[in-house]
Amino acid sequence: MQKITLMGILNTSPESFFDGEQVEITQKYILNKAENLVSEGAEIIDIGGQSTRPGYIEITPEEEIVRTAPFIKLIKQKIKAQISIDSYKLPVIKAVLEAGADIVNDVSGLRDANIAKISADFNARLVIMHSGKVKNLESVAEFFRIKIKQAKAAGVKEENLILDIGLGFGKSAEENWFLLENLNYFDSFNLPMLVGASRKRFTGKTLENSLKAARLATKINCPLILRVHEVKETKEALNL
């Protein structure tokens, strides 16, 4: 049976969408949120301190560290779960790995080659994400081959690599669905595949369409990581 792991999204940015309203970001709020995600079935908590909603303002690495590293240290002390950092900034990644993060979720696709090196130094798992237009399936596969080679050259172990087709990152709705419907094309890499369709614009931002995307994702044979906001509902749907 295919291994499916749920990755629950936990934003620590005041500018992010919190189910339609802003909340005060406190240690109590973050810890409660993390505990809820795990109790609902998440094995990984993906923490992000930089909002990427439409019209977002770029923050400094120093501010992003303040928004992430202390919370990661707190969660690791209190909760049994893997922690992923959703960032592409080297100083942030270094700080959160020192705080105990287990996975580097680099949406830039190793634009900074040092991210692979720092991941290797901490023996952290590394997500390699594709972004941009999709010429065809082979062009995405070639991107992965290049980046896998780059990561290995920096010392990242093959068993620590995760691939992500980058839904919503520079792709049209048609390209997103095309990749989802053909995920098994990437089975030959024999690496876990991360799929983040939750609340993406191309799914209509509804749970129903996100679950449709999740069902399509189960066509692949390699281990699957689903990055979602609605952990409980997704787990229930997959159990059915």
Protein backbone atom coordinates (compact mmCIF):
# COMPACT_ATOMS: atom_id res chain seq x y z
CA MET A 1 0.00 0.00 0.00
CA GLN A 2 1.25 3.45 -0.88
CA LYS A 3 2.56 5.44 2.07
CA ILE A 4 0.71 8.76 2.41
CA THR A 5 1.97 11.31 4.91
CA LEU A 6 0.05 14.44 5.78
CA MET A 7 1.96 17.71 6.14
CA GLY A 8 -0.04 20.31 8.05
CA ILE A 9 0.49 23.98 7.23
CA LEU A 10 1.27 26.34 10.11
CA ASN A 11 1.86 29.97 9.18
CA THR A 12 3.53 32.22 11.74
CA SER A 13 3.13 35.35 9.63
CA PRO A 14 0.59 37.96 10.84
CA GLU A 15 -0.13 38.79 7.18
CA SER A 16 -1.15 35.25 6.23
CA PHE A 17 -4.72 34.08 5.89
CA PHE A 18 -5.91 32.47 9.10
CA ASP A 19 -9.21 31.03 7.92
CA GLY A 20 -10.30 34.48 6.86
CA GLU A 21 -9.13 36.44 9.87
CA GLN A 22 -5.93 37.60 11.50
CA VAL A 23 -4.94 36.36 14.93
CA GLU A 24 -2.31 37.31 17.45
CA ILE A 25 0.76 35.12 16.93
CA THR A 26 1.70 33.91 20.41
CA GLN A 27 3.49 30.84 21.70
CA LYS A 28 0.18 29.53 23.03
CA TYR A 29 -1.56 29.99 19.68
CA ILE A 30 1.25 28.30 17.72
CA LEU A 31 1.56 25.40 20.15
CA ASN A 32 -2.22 24.81 20.16
CA LYS A 33 -2.29 24.95 16.37
CA ALA A 34 0.58 22.47 16.12
CA GLU A 35 -1.04 20.12 18.63
CA ASN A 36 -4.30 20.23 16.68
CA LEU A 37 -2.57 19.45 13.39
CA VAL A 38 -0.85 16.41 14.89
CA SER A 39 -3.99 15.17 16.66
CA GLU A 40 -5.83 15.39 13.32
CA GLY A 41 -3.24 13.19 11.61
CA ALA A 42 -0.33 15.35 10.48
CA GLU A 43 3.10 13.73 10.80
CA ILE A 44 4.89 16.82 9.49
CA ILE A 45 4.28 20.46 10.41
CA ASP A 46 5.33 22.90 7.68
CA ILE A 47 6.13 26.28 9.24
CA GLY A 48 6.38 29.46 7.22
CA GLY A 49 7.12 32.97 8.47
CA GLN A 50 6.95 34.80 5.14
CA SER A 51 3.52 35.44 3.69
CA THR A 52 3.21 34.83 -0.06
CA ARG A 53 -0.40 35.92 -0.44
CA PRO A 54 -1.19 38.34 -3.31
CA GLY A 55 0.49 41.70 -2.67
CA TYR A 56 2.73 40.36 0.09
CA ILE A 57 5.66 42.42 1.36
CA GLU A 58 9.08 40.77 1.53
CA ILE A 59 10.48 40.69 5.05
CA THR A 60 14.11 40.49 6.10
CA PRO A 61 15.74 37.17 7.01
CA GLU A 62 16.14 38.51 10.55
CA GLU A 63 12.40 39.07 10.91
CA GLU A 64 11.63 35.67 9.38
CA ILE A 65 13.97 34.02 11.88
CA VAL A 66 12.15 35.73 14.76
CA ARG A 67 8.86 34.41 13.37
CA THR A 68 10.02 30.81 13.01
CA ALA A 69 13.05 29.61 15.00
CA PRO A 70 11.65 30.16 18.54
CA PHE A 71 8.37 28.42 17.63
CA ILE A 72 10.20 25.48 16.07
CA LYS A 73 12.28 25.04 19.22
CA LEU A 74 9.09 25.18 21.32
CA ILE A 75 7.22 22.65 19.17
CA LYS A 76 10.14 20.22 19.13
CA GLN A 77 10.18 20.29 22.94
CA LYS A 78 6.45 19.62 23.30
CA ILE A 79 5.23 17.64 20.28
CA LYS A 80 6.35 14.49 18.49
CA ALA A 81 6.36 15.53 14.84
CA GLN A 82 8.75 16.36 12.06
CA ILE A 83 9.16 20.07 11.41
CA SER A 84 9.56 21.50 7.92
CA ILE A 85 10.62 25.07 7.19
CA ASP A 86 8.98 26.75 4.22
CA SER A 87 11.73 29.18 3.23
CA TYR A 88 14.28 29.92 0.52
CA LYS A 89 16.54 32.23 2.56
CA LEU A 90 19.83 30.68 3.66
CA PRO A 91 20.15 32.56 7.00
CA VAL A 92 16.62 31.50 7.93
CA ILE A 93 17.21 27.88 6.98
CA LYS A 94 20.44 27.76 9.00
CA ALA A 95 18.76 29.26 12.07
CA VAL A 96 15.77 26.90 12.02
CA LEU A 97 17.92 23.83 11.43
CA GLU A 98 19.87 24.85 14.52
CA ALA A 99 16.51 25.17 16.31
CA GLY A 100 15.62 21.58 15.40
CA ALA A 101 13.87 21.62 12.01
CA ASP A 102 14.00 18.30 10.15
CA ILE A 103 13.04 19.25 6.58
CA VAL A 104 13.98 22.14 4.30
CA ASN A 105 11.08 23.03 2.00
CA ASP A 106 12.88 25.30 -0.46
CA VAL A 107 10.36 26.65 -2.97
CA SER A 108 13.13 28.26 -5.02
CA GLY A 109 14.40 24.89 -6.24
CA LEU A 110 17.95 25.38 -4.95
CA ARG A 111 18.38 28.81 -6.47
CA ASP A 112 20.97 29.21 -3.72
CA ALA A 113 23.20 26.14 -4.00
CA ASN A 114 24.31 26.63 -0.37
CA ILE A 115 20.87 25.48 0.75
CA ALA A 116 21.77 21.95 -0.32
CA LYS A 117 25.08 22.19 1.55
CA ILE A 118 23.50 23.38 4.79
CA SER A 119 20.83 20.66 4.51
CA ALA A 120 23.56 18.06 4.13
CA ASP A 121 25.49 19.47 7.10
CA PHE A 122 22.43 18.93 9.32
CA ASN A 123 21.41 15.66 7.62
CA ALA A 124 18.04 17.28 6.93
CA ARG A 125 15.58 16.14 4.31
CA LEU A 126 15.39 18.50 1.33
CA VAL A 127 12.40 19.31 -0.87
CA ILE A 128 13.30 20.13 -4.47
CA MET A 129 10.44 22.08 -6.05
CA HIS A 130 9.85 22.84 -9.71
CA SER A 131 8.49 26.28 -10.58
CA GLY A 132 7.57 27.93 -13.84
CA LYS A 133 5.85 26.86 -17.02
CA VAL A 134 5.54 23.22 -18.07
CA LYS A 135 6.79 22.54 -21.58
CA ASN A 136 6.15 18.84 -21.16
CA LEU A 137 6.62 16.13 -18.55
CA GLU A 138 10.17 15.41 -19.65
CA SER A 139 11.20 19.03 -19.11
CA VAL A 140 10.08 18.79 -15.47
CA ALA A 141 11.85 15.45 -15.09
CA GLU A 142 15.04 16.95 -16.52
CA PHE A 143 14.82 19.80 -14.00
CA PHE A 144 14.59 17.22 -11.21
CA ARG A 145 17.57 15.27 -12.58
CA ILE A 146 19.73 18.39 -12.63
CA LYS A 147 18.73 19.45 -9.12
CA ILE A 148 19.10 15.95 -7.68
CA LYS A 149 22.64 15.80 -9.06
CA GLN A 150 23.35 19.24 -7.58
CA ALA A 151 22.00 18.23 -4.17
CA LYS A 152 23.98 14.98 -4.10
CA ALA A 153 27.15 16.82 -5.08
CA ALA A 154 26.61 19.05 -2.04
CA GLY A 155 26.38 15.98 0.19
CA VAL A 156 22.62 15.42 0.48
CA LYS A 157 21.82 11.71 0.79
CA GLU A 158 19.44 10.34 -1.82
CA GLU A 159 17.12 9.03 0.89
CA ASN A 160 16.75 12.59 2.19
CA LEU A 161 15.44 13.99 -1.10
CA ILE A 162 11.79 14.85 -1.78
CA LEU A 163 10.38 16.09 -5.09
CA ASP A 164 7.61 18.69 -5.51
CA ILE A 165 5.97 19.55 -8.85
CA GLY A 166 5.26 23.06 -7.56
CA LEU A 167 1.53 23.43 -8.09
CA GLY A 168 0.57 27.09 -8.42
CA PHE A 169 4.14 28.33 -8.85
CA GLY A 170 4.21 30.04 -12.25
CA LYS A 171 1.86 27.50 -13.82
CA SER A 172 -1.52 27.83 -15.46
CA ALA A 173 -4.51 25.91 -14.10
CA GLU A 174 -4.25 23.56 -17.08
CA GLU A 175 -0.56 22.89 -16.36
CA ASN A 176 -1.30 22.19 -12.69
CA TRP A 177 -3.99 19.64 -13.51
CA PHE A 178 -1.82 18.12 -16.25
CA LEU A 179 0.96 17.46 -13.76
CA LEU A 180 -1.44 16.02 -11.18
CA GLU A 181 -3.00 13.70 -13.72
CA ASN A 182 0.44 12.45 -14.78
CA LEU A 183 2.24 12.22 -11.46
CA ASN A 184 3.15 8.59 -12.08
CA TYR A 185 5.51 9.84 -14.81
CA PHE A 186 7.93 10.68 -11.99
CA ASP A 187 7.78 7.25 -10.33
CA SER A 188 11.12 6.38 -11.93
CA PHE A 189 12.92 8.70 -9.50
CA ASN A 190 11.80 6.43 -6.67
CA LEU A 191 11.66 9.41 -4.33
CA PRO A 192 8.85 10.75 -2.13
CA MET A 193 6.63 13.27 -3.91
CA LEU A 194 5.22 16.30 -2.09
CA VAL A 195 1.94 17.67 -3.46
CA GLY A 196 0.59 21.01 -2.25
CA ALA A 197 -2.82 21.62 -3.83
CA SER A 198 -4.54 22.89 -0.70
CA ARG A 199 -6.31 26.25 -1.19
CA LYS A 200 -4.49 26.85 -4.46
CA ARG A 201 -6.34 29.09 -6.89
CA PHE A 202 -6.53 26.46 -9.62
CA THR A 203 -8.58 24.16 -7.37
CA GLY A 204 -11.17 26.85 -6.73
CA LYS A 205 -9.94 27.13 -3.12
CA THR A 206 -12.51 24.56 -2.01
CA LEU A 207 -11.90 21.48 0.08
CA GLU A 208 -13.79 19.39 -2.47
CA ASN A 209 -11.43 20.32 -5.30
CA SER A 210 -8.35 20.01 -3.09
CA LEU A 211 -9.45 16.48 -2.24
CA LYS A 212 -9.94 15.79 -5.94
CA ALA A 213 -6.33 16.83 -6.39
CA ALA A 214 -5.33 14.55 -3.50
CA ARG A 215 -7.13 11.59 -5.10
CA LEU A 216 -5.31 12.24 -8.38
CA ALA A 217 -2.04 12.35 -6.49
CA THR A 218 -2.58 8.82 -5.19
CA LYS A 219 -1.96 7.53 -8.72
CA ILE A 220 1.77 7.49 -8.06
CA ASN A 221 3.56 4.50 -6.55
CA CYS A 222 6.26 6.30 -4.56
CA PRO A 223 5.67 7.63 -1.01
CA LEU A 224 3.40 10.66 -1.09
CA ILE A 225 3.37 13.74 1.15
CA LEU A 226 0.22 15.87 0.98
CA ARG A 227 0.70 19.47 2.13
CA VAL A 228 -2.70 20.62 3.37
CA HIS A 229 -4.55 23.12 5.53
CA GLU A 230 -7.49 20.81 6.35
CA VAL A 231 -5.66 17.84 7.87
CA LYS A 232 -8.67 16.20 9.54
CA GLU A 233 -10.91 16.39 6.48
CA THR A 234 -8.19 15.19 4.12
CA LYS A 235 -7.37 12.21 6.36
CA GLU A 236 -11.04 11.24 6.58
CA ALA A 237 -11.43 11.43 2.81
CA LEU A 238 -8.32 9.32 2.21
CA ASN A 239 -9.52 6.74 4.74
CA LEU A 240 -12.72 6.36 2.77
